[in-house]
Amino acid sequence: MGNPLKKIVEDLLITKEHGTLLDLCEQDRRFWQEVRFRLYDLDERIRWSAIEVAAKFMERWWQSDRQEKVRIYIRTLFWSMNDESGGIGWSSPQTIAEIIVHIPELIDPYGRMMIAHSMEEPPLIKGGAWGIGRLGRRIEDSWEFFKDEIFGVFQESDS
């Protein structure tokens, strides 16, 4: 039969009804937990929609004086990118970049940290490159510091 909450979240992510999903996340923490789980979904439509929802939800928290909760969540994303965490934060660089797009004042220090963390782990490089592109000129000062590592990625023999 399946879990109705999971089905609701999946349907709202696929149809991109983010406003409804954001309201549900505010009302019931289980919806937010399911969105976070969907950051690792194999279906790209669901995964990218979850990235957008996570960033928009962090923007809501930020605007409602829950800035420390936002910072804690971002630190959790960074922890997932660290091999000591026991996992791999496949969508963490993209999620961090998208959060910064919605909350520009977080560019320092998190923009530079997103680049540093994603360039250290081969599975995260593609997401880090996407994050750099998504942030564009906003991250120009930070990426300059890492340009040798970034360009070095293109010298790798592993496609």
Protein backbone atom coordinates (compact mmCIF):
# COMPACT_ATOMS: atom_id res chain seq x y z
CA MET A 1 0.00 0.00 0.00
CA GLY A 2 2.85 2.40 0.74
CA ASN A 3 3.31 5.42 2.92
CA PRO A 4 0.83 8.20 2.02
CA LEU A 5 3.20 10.94 3.28
CA LYS A 6 5.95 9.75 0.92
CA LYS A 7 3.48 9.69 -1.98
CA ILE A 8 2.27 13.22 -1.18
CA VAL A 9 5.84 14.55 -1.10
CA GLU A 10 6.77 12.74 -4.32
CA ASP A 11 3.69 14.05 -6.13
CA LEU A 12 4.29 17.63 -4.95
CA LEU A 13 7.94 17.45 -5.97
CA ILE A 14 7.10 16.10 -9.43
CA THR A 15 4.39 18.71 -10.02
CA LYS A 16 6.61 21.40 -8.46
CA GLU A 17 3.88 22.54 -6.10
CA HIS A 18 6.54 23.90 -3.80
CA GLY A 19 4.33 26.36 -1.91
CA THR A 20 2.02 23.57 -0.74
CA LEU A 21 4.98 21.38 0.20
CA LEU A 22 6.68 24.21 2.09
CA ASP A 23 3.52 24.76 4.11
CA LEU A 24 3.37 21.05 4.93
CA CYS A 25 7.03 21.11 6.00
CA GLU A 26 6.23 23.95 8.41
CA GLN A 27 3.23 22.10 9.83
CA ASP A 28 4.72 18.62 10.19
CA ARG A 29 8.42 17.90 10.46
CA ARG A 30 7.95 14.49 8.79
CA PHE A 31 7.37 16.27 5.46
CA TRP A 32 10.69 18.12 5.85
CA GLN A 33 12.41 14.82 6.70
CA GLU A 34 10.99 13.25 3.54
CA VAL A 35 12.14 16.23 1.41
CA ARG A 36 15.66 15.81 2.83
CA PHE A 37 15.54 12.10 2.00
CA ARG A 38 14.54 12.99 -1.57
CA LEU A 39 17.78 14.95 -2.06
CA TYR A 40 19.23 11.51 -2.84
CA ASP A 41 16.42 10.25 -5.07
CA LEU A 42 17.52 8.47 -8.24
CA ASP A 43 14.80 10.25 -10.23
CA GLU A 44 16.41 13.54 -11.25
CA ARG A 45 13.07 15.37 -11.45
CA ILE A 46 12.41 14.55 -7.81
CA ARG A 47 15.99 15.19 -6.66
CA TRP A 48 16.27 18.63 -8.30
CA SER A 49 12.83 19.64 -7.09
CA ALA A 50 13.84 18.59 -3.55
CA ILE A 51 16.97 20.75 -3.85
CA GLU A 52 14.78 23.73 -4.74
CA VAL A 53 12.36 23.03 -1.87
CA ALA A 54 15.20 22.63 0.65
CA ALA A 55 16.61 26.02 -0.37
CA LYS A 56 13.22 27.70 -0.24
CA PHE A 57 12.51 26.14 3.16
CA MET A 58 15.84 27.47 4.47
CA GLU A 59 14.88 30.89 3.10
CA ARG A 60 11.63 30.71 5.11
CA TRP A 61 13.55 29.81 8.24
CA TRP A 62 16.03 32.63 7.62
CA GLN A 63 13.27 35.20 7.17
CA SER A 64 11.51 34.05 10.34
CA ASP A 65 14.53 34.56 12.60
CA ARG A 66 15.68 30.94 12.56
CA GLN A 67 19.09 31.76 11.09
CA GLU A 68 20.91 29.41 13.47
CA LYS A 69 18.75 26.50 12.30
CA VAL A 70 19.74 27.34 8.71
CA ARG A 71 23.42 27.36 9.63
CA ILE A 72 23.05 24.03 11.45
CA TYR A 73 21.39 22.49 8.40
CA ILE A 74 24.16 23.77 6.11
CA ARG A 75 26.78 22.34 8.47
CA THR A 76 24.90 19.02 8.28
CA LEU A 77 25.20 19.16 4.48
CA PHE A 78 28.94 19.80 4.78
CA TRP A 79 29.29 16.93 7.24
CA SER A 80 27.61 14.61 4.71
CA MET A 81 30.28 15.60 2.18
CA ASN A 82 33.04 14.47 4.53
CA ASP A 83 34.13 10.84 4.20
CA GLU A 84 34.21 10.61 8.01
CA SER A 85 30.42 10.94 8.03
CA GLY A 86 30.05 7.41 6.72
CA GLY A 87 27.96 8.57 3.79
CA ILE A 88 28.29 10.74 0.75
CA GLY A 89 26.31 13.93 0.33
CA TRP A 90 25.56 13.46 -3.36
CA SER A 91 23.35 16.55 -3.62
CA SER A 92 24.96 18.61 -0.89
CA PRO A 93 27.02 20.98 -3.09
CA GLN A 94 23.96 21.75 -5.24
CA THR A 95 21.75 22.22 -2.18
CA ILE A 96 24.24 24.55 -0.51
CA ALA A 97 24.60 26.61 -3.71
CA GLU A 98 20.81 26.84 -4.09
CA ILE A 99 20.45 27.95 -0.45
CA ILE A 100 23.02 30.69 -1.09
CA VAL A 101 21.06 31.82 -4.16
CA HIS A 102 18.01 32.27 -1.89
CA ILE A 103 20.01 33.71 1.04
CA PRO A 104 22.89 35.69 -0.57
CA GLU A 105 24.35 36.80 2.76
CA LEU A 106 25.51 33.19 3.26
CA ILE A 107 27.98 33.42 0.36
CA ASP A 108 30.69 34.10 2.95
CA PRO A 109 31.85 31.64 4.24
CA TYR A 110 29.70 28.89 2.70
CA GLY A 111 30.44 29.57 -0.97
CA ARG A 112 34.15 29.03 -0.53
CA MET A 113 33.53 26.02 1.72
CA MET A 114 31.21 24.45 -0.88
CA ILE A 115 33.98 24.65 -3.48
CA ALA A 116 36.63 23.31 -1.11
CA HIS A 117 34.57 20.34 0.05
CA SER A 118 33.29 19.36 -3.37
CA MET A 119 36.71 19.50 -5.01
CA GLU A 120 38.14 17.10 -2.39
CA GLU A 121 35.84 14.18 -3.18
CA PRO A 122 35.62 12.88 -6.78
CA PRO A 123 31.91 11.94 -6.51
CA LEU A 124 31.09 15.53 -5.52
CA ILE A 125 33.05 17.36 -8.22
CA LYS A 126 30.17 17.46 -10.72
CA GLY A 127 27.82 18.89 -8.07
CA GLY A 128 30.45 21.40 -7.02
CA ALA A 129 30.92 22.53 -10.60
CA TRP A 130 27.15 22.94 -10.92
CA GLY A 131 27.17 24.96 -7.69
CA ILE A 132 29.91 27.24 -9.00
CA GLY A 133 27.92 27.79 -12.18
CA ARG A 134 24.68 28.39 -10.26
CA LEU A 135 26.31 31.00 -8.05
CA GLY A 136 27.99 32.69 -11.01
CA ARG A 137 29.65 36.02 -10.30
CA ARG A 138 28.55 35.88 -6.66
CA ILE A 139 31.30 33.34 -6.05
CA GLU A 140 33.96 34.92 -8.26
CA ASP A 141 36.24 35.87 -5.36
CA SER A 142 36.00 32.41 -3.84
CA TRP A 143 36.53 30.37 -6.97
CA GLU A 144 39.62 32.41 -7.82
CA PHE A 145 41.29 30.93 -4.74
CA PHE A 146 40.52 27.38 -5.95
CA LYS A 147 41.02 27.84 -9.68
CA ASP A 148 44.00 25.47 -9.88
CA GLU A 149 41.98 22.66 -8.25
CA ILE A 150 38.92 23.43 -10.39
CA PHE A 151 40.86 23.48 -13.66
CA GLY A 152 42.81 20.43 -12.50
CA VAL A 153 39.56 18.46 -12.57
CA PHE A 154 39.49 18.86 -16.33
CA GLN A 155 42.94 17.29 -16.59
CA GLU A 156 41.77 14.02 -15.01
CA SER A 157 41.66 10.96 -17.24
CA ASP A 158 38.47 9.72 -15.51
CA SER A 159 35.52 11.14 -17.46
